[in-house]
Amino acid sequence: FALHFEDEVQMAIYHTKLISGSWTKEDAIELQLV
C-alpha cells in the first residue's frame, strides 16, 4: 500500500499484521526490489 495524504506517503504492507512505515515526502521514496 502507498497511502497518500497531501504531499506525503506512508508505505504499508500486511504480513500477519499491518506493518507501516513513516510518513515521507512522495518524491523521496525509492523502493528497492531485492
PDB file of all heavy atoms in Angstrom:
ATOM      1  N   PHE A   1       0.822  -1.201   0.000  1.00  0.00           N
ATOM      2  CA  PHE A   1       0.000   0.000   0.000  1.00  0.00           C
ATOM      3  C   PHE A   1       0.863   1.260   0.000  1.00  0.00           C
ATOM      4  O   PHE A   1       1.814   1.358   0.774  1.00  0.00           O
ATOM      5  CB  PHE A   1      -0.915   0.040   1.225  1.00  0.00           C
ATOM      6  CG  PHE A   1      -1.932  -1.059   1.272  1.00  0.00           C
ATOM      7  CD1 PHE A   1      -1.729  -2.181   2.055  1.00  0.00           C
ATOM      8  CD2 PHE A   1      -3.101  -0.978   0.536  1.00  0.00           C
ATOM      9  CE1 PHE A   1      -2.657  -3.205   2.109  1.00  0.00           C
ATOM     10  CE2 PHE A   1      -4.044  -1.996   0.581  1.00  0.00           C
ATOM     11  CZ  PHE A   1      -3.823  -3.111   1.364  1.00  0.00           C
ATOM     12  N   ALA A   2       0.506   2.199  -0.854  1.00  0.00           N
ATOM     13  CA  ALA A   2       1.109   3.530  -0.837  1.00  0.00           C
ATOM     14  C   ALA A   2       0.004   4.484  -0.385  1.00  0.00           C
ATOM     15  O   ALA A   2      -0.890   4.834  -1.166  1.00  0.00           O
ATOM     16  CB  ALA A   2       1.629   3.915  -2.215  1.00  0.00           C
ATOM     17  N   LEU A   3       0.021   4.841   0.886  1.00  0.00           N
ATOM     18  CA  LEU A   3      -1.027   5.677   1.467  1.00  0.00           C
ATOM     19  C   LEU A   3      -0.668   7.153   1.297  1.00  0.00           C
ATOM     20  O   LEU A   3       0.348   7.606   1.822  1.00  0.00           O
ATOM     21  CB  LEU A   3      -1.202   5.329   2.944  1.00  0.00           C
ATOM     22  CG  LEU A   3      -1.395   3.830   3.253  1.00  0.00           C
ATOM     23  CD1 LEU A   3      -1.442   3.597   4.759  1.00  0.00           C
ATOM     24  CD2 LEU A   3      -2.646   3.298   2.592  1.00  0.00           C
ATOM     25  N   HIS A   4      -1.482   7.864   0.560  1.00  0.00           N
ATOM     26  CA  HIS A   4      -1.205   9.261   0.233  1.00  0.00           C
ATOM     27  C   HIS A   4      -2.079  10.192   1.065  1.00  0.00           C
ATOM     28  O   HIS A   4      -3.292   9.998   1.171  1.00  0.00           O
ATOM     29  CB  HIS A   4      -1.483   9.536  -1.247  1.00  0.00           C
ATOM     30  CG  HIS A   4      -0.520   8.892  -2.181  1.00  0.00           C
ATOM     31  ND1 HIS A   4       0.460   9.588  -2.863  1.00  0.00           N
ATOM     32  CD2 HIS A   4      -0.374   7.601  -2.554  1.00  0.00           C
ATOM     33  CE1 HIS A   4       1.150   8.753  -3.611  1.00  0.00           C
ATOM     34  NE2 HIS A   4       0.668   7.540  -3.437  1.00  0.00           N
ATOM     35  N   PHE A   5      -1.439  11.202   1.621  1.00  0.00           N
ATOM     36  CA  PHE A   5      -2.179  12.310   2.224  1.00  0.00           C
ATOM     37  C   PHE A   5      -1.431  13.589   1.896  1.00  0.00           C
ATOM     38  O   PHE A   5      -0.278  13.767   2.298  1.00  0.00           O
ATOM     39  CB  PHE A   5      -2.319  12.153   3.742  1.00  0.00           C
ATOM     40  CG  PHE A   5      -3.106  13.281   4.369  1.00  0.00           C
ATOM     41  CD1 PHE A   5      -4.481  13.348   4.211  1.00  0.00           C
ATOM     42  CD2 PHE A   5      -2.472  14.292   5.072  1.00  0.00           C
ATOM     43  CE1 PHE A   5      -5.216  14.392   4.757  1.00  0.00           C
ATOM     44  CE2 PHE A   5      -3.182  15.340   5.620  1.00  0.00           C
ATOM     45  CZ  PHE A   5      -4.565  15.390   5.464  1.00  0.00           C
ATOM     46  N   GLU A   6      -2.083  14.445   1.125  1.00  0.00           N
ATOM     47  CA  GLU A   6      -1.467  15.679   0.625  1.00  0.00           C
ATOM     48  C   GLU A   6      -0.180  15.322  -0.129  1.00  0.00           C
ATOM     49  O   GLU A   6      -0.231  14.540  -1.070  1.00  0.00           O
ATOM     50  CB  GLU A   6      -1.263  16.680   1.763  1.00  0.00           C
ATOM     51  CG  GLU A   6      -2.599  17.120   2.365  1.00  0.00           C
ATOM     52  CD  GLU A   6      -2.467  18.114   3.497  1.00  0.00           C
ATOM     53  OE1 GLU A   6      -1.336  18.345   3.980  1.00  0.00           O
ATOM     54  OE2 GLU A   6      -3.504  18.687   3.889  1.00  0.00           O
ATOM     55  N   ASP A   7       0.985  15.836   0.289  1.00  0.00           N
ATOM     56  CA  ASP A   7       2.209  15.563  -0.474  1.00  0.00           C
ATOM     57  C   ASP A   7       3.102  14.529   0.193  1.00  0.00           C
ATOM     58  O   ASP A   7       4.276  14.402  -0.132  1.00  0.00           O
ATOM     59  CB  ASP A   7       2.999  16.859  -0.691  1.00  0.00           C
ATOM     60  CG  ASP A   7       3.501  17.461   0.617  1.00  0.00           C
ATOM     61  OD1 ASP A   7       2.944  17.111   1.682  1.00  0.00           O
ATOM     62  OD2 ASP A   7       4.433  18.276   0.582  1.00  0.00           O
ATOM     63  N   GLU A   8       2.532  13.755   1.127  1.00  0.00           N
ATOM     64  CA  GLU A   8       3.313  12.726   1.808  1.00  0.00           C
ATOM     65  C   GLU A   8       2.736  11.338   1.560  1.00  0.00           C
ATOM     66  O   GLU A   8       1.548  11.185   1.250  1.00  0.00           O
ATOM     67  CB  GLU A   8       3.380  13.010   3.310  1.00  0.00           C
ATOM     68  CG  GLU A   8       4.214  14.231   3.652  1.00  0.00           C
ATOM     69  CD  GLU A   8       4.501  14.334   5.136  1.00  0.00           C
ATOM     70  OE1 GLU A   8       3.604  14.020   5.938  1.00  0.00           O
ATOM     71  OE2 GLU A   8       5.628  14.731   5.487  1.00  0.00           O
ATOM     72  N   VAL A   9       3.606  10.344   1.719  1.00  0.00           N
ATOM     73  CA  VAL A   9       3.214   8.948   1.509  1.00  0.00           C
ATOM     74  C   VAL A   9       3.692   8.095   2.679  1.00  0.00           C
ATOM     75  O   VAL A   9       4.803   8.283   3.181  1.00  0.00           O
ATOM     76  CB  VAL A   9       3.822   8.389   0.193  1.00  0.00           C
ATOM     77  CG1 VAL A   9       3.471   6.907   0.028  1.00  0.00           C
ATOM     78  CG2 VAL A   9       3.332   9.173  -1.006  1.00  0.00           C
ATOM     79  N   GLN A  10       2.862   7.176   3.076  1.00  0.00           N
ATOM     80  CA  GLN A  10       3.240   6.176   4.078  1.00  0.00           C
ATOM     81  C   GLN A  10       3.082   4.801   3.427  1.00  0.00           C
ATOM     82  O   GLN A  10       2.006   4.469   2.927  1.00  0.00           O
ATOM     83  CB  GLN A  10       2.357   6.256   5.320  1.00  0.00           C
ATOM     84  CG  GLN A  10       2.752   5.253   6.402  1.00  0.00           C
ATOM     85  CD  GLN A  10       1.772   5.246   7.566  1.00  0.00           C
ATOM     86  OE1 GLN A  10       0.572   5.086   7.373  1.00  0.00           O
ATOM     87  NE2 GLN A  10       2.285   5.443   8.775  1.00  0.00           N
ATOM     88  N   MET A  11       4.155   4.027   3.421  1.00  0.00           N
ATOM     89  CA  MET A  11       4.077   2.682   2.880  1.00  0.00           C
ATOM     90  C   MET A  11       3.537   1.745   3.963  1.00  0.00           C
ATOM     91  O   MET A  11       3.869   1.888   5.141  1.00  0.00           O
ATOM     92  CB  MET A  11       5.443   2.196   2.410  1.00  0.00           C
ATOM     93  CG  MET A  11       6.090   3.062   1.336  1.00  0.00           C
ATOM     94  SD  MET A  11       5.030   3.373  -0.096  1.00  0.00           S
ATOM     95  CE  MET A  11       4.721   1.682  -0.659  1.00  0.00           C
ATOM     96  N   ALA A  12       2.706   0.801   3.542  1.00  0.00           N
ATOM     97  CA  ALA A  12       2.152  -0.180   4.485  1.00  0.00           C
ATOM     98  C   ALA A  12       2.055  -1.529   3.775  1.00  0.00           C
ATOM     99  O   ALA A  12       1.888  -1.592   2.554  1.00  0.00           O
ATOM    100  CB  ALA A  12       0.784   0.266   4.985  1.00  0.00           C
ATOM    101  N   ILE A  13       2.179  -2.579   4.558  1.00  0.00           N
ATOM    102  CA  ILE A  13       2.173  -3.926   3.990  1.00  0.00           C
ATOM    103  C   ILE A  13       1.608  -4.871   5.044  1.00  0.00           C
ATOM    104  O   ILE A  13       1.831  -4.677   6.241  1.00  0.00           O
ATOM    105  CB  ILE A  13       3.608  -4.321   3.575  1.00  0.00           C
ATOM    106  CG1 ILE A  13       3.625  -5.508   2.621  1.00  0.00           C
ATOM    107  CG2 ILE A  13       4.501  -4.541   4.771  1.00  0.00           C
ATOM    108  CD1 ILE A  13       4.968  -5.682   1.906  1.00  0.00           C
ATOM    109  N   TYR A  14       0.842  -5.878   4.613  1.00  0.00           N
ATOM    110  CA  TYR A  14       0.228  -6.803   5.568  1.00  0.00           C
ATOM    111  C   TYR A  14       0.946  -8.141   5.535  1.00  0.00           C
ATOM    112  O   TYR A  14       0.961  -8.832   4.522  1.00  0.00           O
ATOM    113  CB  TYR A  14      -1.261  -7.005   5.240  1.00  0.00           C
ATOM    114  CG  TYR A  14      -1.999  -7.740   6.340  1.00  0.00           C
ATOM    115  CD1 TYR A  14      -2.631  -7.036   7.355  1.00  0.00           C
ATOM    116  CD2 TYR A  14      -2.045  -9.124   6.369  1.00  0.00           C
ATOM    117  CE1 TYR A  14      -3.298  -7.701   8.380  1.00  0.00           C
ATOM    118  CE2 TYR A  14      -2.706  -9.800   7.392  1.00  0.00           C
ATOM    119  CZ  TYR A  14      -3.334  -9.091   8.382  1.00  0.00           C
ATOM    120  OH  TYR A  14      -3.983  -9.740   9.398  1.00  0.00           O
ATOM    121  N   HIS A  15       1.544  -8.484   6.692  1.00  0.00           N
ATOM    122  CA  HIS A  15       2.212  -9.781   6.827  1.00  0.00           C
ATOM    123  C   HIS A  15       2.023 -10.239   8.268  1.00  0.00           C
ATOM    124  O   HIS A  15       2.745  -9.805   9.167  1.00  0.00           O
ATOM    125  CB  HIS A  15       3.709  -9.666   6.498  1.00  0.00           C
ATOM    126  CG  HIS A  15       4.395 -10.992   6.370  1.00  0.00           C
ATOM    127  ND1 HIS A  15       4.372 -11.729   5.216  1.00  0.00           N
ATOM    128  CD2 HIS A  15       5.102 -11.725   7.274  1.00  0.00           C
ATOM    129  CE1 HIS A  15       5.059 -12.859   5.392  1.00  0.00           C
ATOM    130  NE2 HIS A  15       5.505 -12.879   6.642  1.00  0.00           N
ATOM    131  N   THR A  16       1.002 -11.027   8.492  1.00  0.00           N
ATOM    132  CA  THR A  16       0.497 -11.451   9.801  1.00  0.00           C
ATOM    133  C   THR A  16      -0.168 -10.293  10.563  1.00  0.00           C
ATOM    134  O   THR A  16      -0.968 -10.515  11.461  1.00  0.00           O
ATOM    135  CB  THR A  16       1.563 -12.089  10.720  1.00  0.00           C
ATOM    136  OG1 THR A  16       2.492 -11.092  11.171  1.00  0.00           O
ATOM    137  CG2 THR A  16       2.327 -13.192  10.001  1.00  0.00           C
ATOM    138  N   LYS A  17       0.172  -9.080  10.207  1.00  0.00           N
ATOM    139  CA  LYS A  17      -0.414  -7.864  10.778  1.00  0.00           C
ATOM    140  C   LYS A  17      -0.090  -6.709   9.830  1.00  0.00           C
ATOM    141  O   LYS A  17       0.732  -6.858   8.926  1.00  0.00           O
ATOM    142  CB  LYS A  17       0.171  -7.569  12.164  1.00  0.00           C
ATOM    143  CG  LYS A  17       1.681  -7.421  12.155  1.00  0.00           C
ATOM    144  CD  LYS A  17       2.246  -7.024  13.512  1.00  0.00           C
ATOM    145  CE  LYS A  17       2.144  -5.538  13.715  1.00  0.00           C
ATOM    146  NZ  LYS A  17       2.846  -5.069  14.923  1.00  0.00           N
ATOM    147  N   LEU A  18      -0.744  -5.581  10.006  1.00  0.00           N
ATOM    148  CA  LEU A  18      -0.429  -4.431   9.170  1.00  0.00           C
ATOM    149  C   LEU A  18       0.833  -3.763   9.689  1.00  0.00           C
ATOM    150  O   LEU A  18       0.928  -3.400  10.859  1.00  0.00           O
ATOM    151  CB  LEU A  18      -1.583  -3.422   9.160  1.00  0.00           C
ATOM    152  CG  LEU A  18      -1.413  -2.278   8.163  1.00  0.00           C
ATOM    153  CD1 LEU A  18      -1.507  -2.800   6.724  1.00  0.00           C
ATOM    154  CD2 LEU A  18      -2.463  -1.190   8.388  1.00  0.00           C
ATOM    155  N   ILE A  19       1.803  -3.613   8.801  1.00  0.00           N
ATOM    156  CA  ILE A  19       3.086  -3.005   9.142  1.00  0.00           C
ATOM    157  C   ILE A  19       3.215  -1.703   8.353  1.00  0.00           C
ATOM    158  O   ILE A  19       3.067  -1.703   7.122  1.00  0.00           O
ATOM    159  CB  ILE A  19       4.241  -3.961   8.800  1.00  0.00           C
ATOM    160  CG1 ILE A  19       4.126  -5.231   9.660  1.00  0.00           C
ATOM    161  CG2 ILE A  19       5.590  -3.297   9.005  1.00  0.00           C
ATOM    162  CD1 ILE A  19       5.019  -6.357   9.222  1.00  0.00           C
ATOM    163  N   SER A  20       3.465  -0.614   9.048  1.00  0.00           N
ATOM    164  CA  SER A  20       3.520   0.698   8.400  1.00  0.00           C
ATOM    165  C   SER A  20       4.869   1.364   8.590  1.00  0.00           C
ATOM    166  O   SER A  20       5.507   1.210   9.631  1.00  0.00           O
ATOM    167  CB  SER A  20       2.423   1.614   8.966  1.00  0.00           C
ATOM    168  OG  SER A  20       1.160   1.011   8.852  1.00  0.00           O
ATOM    169  N   GLY A  21       5.274   2.123   7.571  1.00  0.00           N
ATOM    170  CA  GLY A  21       6.493   2.907   7.659  1.00  0.00           C
ATOM    171  C   GLY A  21       6.160   4.313   8.151  1.00  0.00           C
ATOM    172  O   GLY A  21       5.049   4.576   8.600  1.00  0.00           O
ATOM    173  N   SER A  22       7.109   5.208   8.055  1.00  0.00           N
ATOM    174  CA  SER A  22       6.886   6.588   8.479  1.00  0.00           C
ATOM    175  C   SER A  22       6.401   7.416   7.292  1.00  0.00           C
ATOM    176  O   SER A  22       6.601   7.045   6.134  1.00  0.00           O
ATOM    177  CB  SER A  22       8.177   7.180   9.051  1.00  0.00           C
ATOM    178  OG  SER A  22       9.226   7.084   8.095  1.00  0.00           O
ATOM    179  N   TRP A  23       5.782   8.538   7.589  1.00  0.00           N
ATOM    180  CA  TRP A  23       5.335   9.443   6.531  1.00  0.00           C
ATOM    181  C   TRP A  23       6.551  10.104   5.892  1.00  0.00           C
ATOM    182  O   TRP A  23       7.444  10.566   6.588  1.00  0.00           O
ATOM    183  CB  TRP A  23       4.396  10.506   7.096  1.00  0.00           C
ATOM    184  CG  TRP A  23       3.031   9.977   7.427  1.00  0.00           C
ATOM    185  CD1 TRP A  23       2.568   9.607   8.651  1.00  0.00           C
ATOM    186  CD2 TRP A  23       1.969   9.744   6.514  1.00  0.00           C
ATOM    187  NE1 TRP A  23       1.282   9.159   8.562  1.00  0.00           N
ATOM    188  CE2 TRP A  23       0.874   9.238   7.258  1.00  0.00           C
ATOM    189  CE3 TRP A  23       1.815   9.925   5.133  1.00  0.00           C
ATOM    190  CZ2 TRP A  23      -0.338   8.902   6.672  1.00  0.00           C
ATOM    191  CZ3 TRP A  23       0.600   9.590   4.547  1.00  0.00           C
ATOM    192  CH2 TRP A  23      -0.454   9.086   5.304  1.00  0.00           C
ATOM    193  N   THR A  24       6.567  10.114   4.567  1.00  0.00           N
ATOM    194  CA  THR A  24       7.710  10.633   3.811  1.00  0.00           C
ATOM    195  C   THR A  24       7.219  11.438   2.621  1.00  0.00           C
ATOM    196  O   THR A  24       6.149  11.159   2.077  1.00  0.00           O
ATOM    197  CB  THR A  24       8.581   9.458   3.282  1.00  0.00           C
ATOM    198  OG1 THR A  24       8.870   8.573   4.368  1.00  0.00           O
ATOM    199  CG2 THR A  24       9.890   9.958   2.704  1.00  0.00           C
ATOM    200  N   LYS A  25       7.997  12.425   2.233  1.00  0.00           N
ATOM    201  CA  LYS A  25       7.662  13.173   1.026  1.00  0.00           C
ATOM    202  C   LYS A  25       7.613  12.214  -0.167  1.00  0.00           C
ATOM    203  O   LYS A  25       8.474  11.346  -0.297  1.00  0.00           O
ATOM    204  CB  LYS A  25       8.688  14.281   0.761  1.00  0.00           C
ATOM    205  CG  LYS A  25       8.686  15.406   1.783  1.00  0.00           C
ATOM    206  CD  LYS A  25       7.389  16.198   1.727  1.00  0.00           C
ATOM    207  CE  LYS A  25       7.408  17.372   2.724  1.00  0.00           C
ATOM    208  NZ  LYS A  25       6.139  18.132   2.718  1.00  0.00           N
ATOM    209  N   GLU A  26       6.609  12.381  -0.996  1.00  0.00           N
ATOM    210  CA  GLU A  26       6.380  11.434  -2.090  1.00  0.00           C
ATOM    211  C   GLU A  26       7.594  11.254  -2.987  1.00  0.00           C
ATOM    212  O   GLU A  26       7.925  10.137  -3.384  1.00  0.00           O
ATOM    213  CB  GLU A  26       5.184  11.902  -2.922  1.00  0.00           C
ATOM    214  CG  GLU A  26       4.753  10.926  -3.984  1.00  0.00           C
ATOM    215  CD  GLU A  26       3.457  11.321  -4.644  1.00  0.00           C
ATOM    216  OE1 GLU A  26       2.842  12.318  -4.234  1.00  0.00           O
ATOM    217  OE2 GLU A  26       3.055  10.620  -5.595  1.00  0.00           O
ATOM    218  N   ASP A  27       8.281  12.348  -3.305  1.00  0.00           N
ATOM    219  CA  ASP A  27       9.410  12.250  -4.239  1.00  0.00           C
ATOM    220  C   ASP A  27      10.675  11.699  -3.587  1.00  0.00           C
ATOM    221  O   ASP A  27      11.705  11.526  -4.239  1.00  0.00           O
ATOM    222  CB  ASP A  27       9.692  13.600  -4.891  1.00  0.00           C
ATOM    223  CG  ASP A  27       9.970  14.707  -3.877  1.00  0.00           C
ATOM    224  OD1 ASP A  27      10.033  14.400  -2.663  1.00  0.00           O
ATOM    225  OD2 ASP A  27      10.121  15.870  -4.286  1.00  0.00           O
ATOM    226  N   ALA A  28      10.617  11.398  -2.276  1.00  0.00           N
ATOM    227  CA  ALA A  28      11.800  10.885  -1.574  1.00  0.00           C
ATOM    228  C   ALA A  28      11.792   9.363  -1.447  1.00  0.00           C
ATOM    229  O   ALA A  28      12.755   8.775  -0.981  1.00  0.00           O
ATOM    230  CB  ALA A  28      11.899  11.513  -0.187  1.00  0.00           C
ATOM    231  N   ILE A  29      10.706   8.720  -1.873  1.00  0.00           N
ATOM    232  CA  ILE A  29      10.603   7.265  -1.722  1.00  0.00           C
ATOM    233  C   ILE A  29      11.233   6.553  -2.907  1.00  0.00           C
ATOM    234  O   ILE A  29      10.912   6.824  -4.061  1.00  0.00           O
ATOM    235  CB  ILE A  29       9.133   6.832  -1.574  1.00  0.00           C
ATOM    236  CG1 ILE A  29       8.558   7.380  -0.272  1.00  0.00           C
ATOM    237  CG2 ILE A  29       9.030   5.303  -1.589  1.00  0.00           C
ATOM    238  CD1 ILE A  29       7.131   6.987  -0.013  1.00  0.00           C
ATOM    239  N   GLU A  30      12.147   5.645  -2.614  1.00  0.00           N
ATOM    240  CA  GLU A  30      12.814   4.828  -3.640  1.00  0.00           C
ATOM    241  C   GLU A  30      12.830   3.381  -3.146  1.00  0.00           C
ATOM    242  O   GLU A  30      13.739   2.968  -2.443  1.00  0.00           O
ATOM    243  CB  GLU A  30      14.249   5.334  -3.881  1.00  0.00           C
ATOM    244  CG  GLU A  30      14.341   6.653  -4.633  1.00  0.00           C
ATOM    245  CD  GLU A  30      14.020   6.509  -6.117  1.00  0.00           C
ATOM    246  OE1 GLU A  30      14.157   5.389  -6.656  1.00  0.00           O
ATOM    247  OE2 GLU A  30      13.620   7.520  -6.735  1.00  0.00           O
ATOM    248  N   LEU A  31      11.820   2.635  -3.506  1.00  0.00           N
ATOM    249  CA  LEU A  31      11.757   1.241  -3.078  1.00  0.00           C
ATOM    250  C   LEU A  31      12.681   0.381  -3.920  1.00  0.00           C
ATOM    251  O   LEU A  31      12.753   0.535  -5.135  1.00  0.00           O
ATOM    252  CB  LEU A  31      10.322   0.711  -3.202  1.00  0.00           C
ATOM    253  CG  LEU A  31       9.297   1.245  -2.200  1.00  0.00           C
ATOM    254  CD1 LEU A  31       7.930   0.638  -2.499  1.00  0.00           C
ATOM    255  CD2 LEU A  31       9.702   0.927  -0.763  1.00  0.00           C
ATOM    256  N   GLN A  32      13.361  -0.546  -3.269  1.00  0.00           N
ATOM    257  CA  GLN A  32      14.250  -1.466  -3.962  1.00  0.00           C
ATOM    258  C   GLN A  32      13.643  -2.867  -3.929  1.00  0.00           C
ATOM    259  O   GLN A  32      13.188  -3.329  -2.880  1.00  0.00           O
ATOM    260  CB  GLN A  32      15.627  -1.484  -3.287  1.00  0.00           C
ATOM    261  CG  GLN A  32      16.334  -0.143  -3.249  1.00  0.00           C
ATOM    262  CD  GLN A  32      16.724   0.357  -4.637  1.00  0.00           C
ATOM    263  OE1 GLN A  32      17.137  -0.435  -5.487  1.00  0.00           O
ATOM    264  NE2 GLN A  32      16.573   1.642  -4.868  1.00  0.00           N
ATOM    265  N   LEU A  33      13.630  -3.515  -5.091  1.00  0.00           N
ATOM    266  CA  LEU A  33      13.153  -4.893  -5.162  1.00  0.00           C
ATOM    267  C   LEU A  33      14.370  -5.811  -5.010  1.00  0.00           C
ATOM    268  O   LEU A  33      15.105  -6.026  -5.967  1.00  0.00           O
ATOM    269  CB  LEU A  33      12.429  -5.151  -6.483  1.00  0.00           C
ATOM    270  CG  LEU A  33      11.214  -4.244  -6.758  1.00  0.00           C
ATOM    271  CD1 LEU A  33      10.564  -4.626  -8.083  1.00  0.00           C
ATOM    272  CD2 LEU A  33      10.206  -4.316  -5.615  1.00  0.00           C
ATOM    273  N   VAL A  34      14.556  -6.322  -3.809  1.00  0.00           N
ATOM    274  CA  VAL A  34      15.741  -7.124  -3.500  1.00  0.00           C
ATOM    275  C   VAL A  34      15.357  -8.596  -3.440  1.00  0.00           C
ATOM    276  O   VAL A  34      14.504  -9.002  -2.639  1.00  0.00           O
ATOM    277  CB  VAL A  34      16.369  -6.694  -2.163  1.00  0.00           C
ATOM    278  CG1 VAL A  34      17.596  -7.535  -1.854  1.00  0.00           C
ATOM    279  CG2 VAL A  34      16.713  -5.208  -2.192  1.00  0.00           C
TER     280      VAL A  34
END
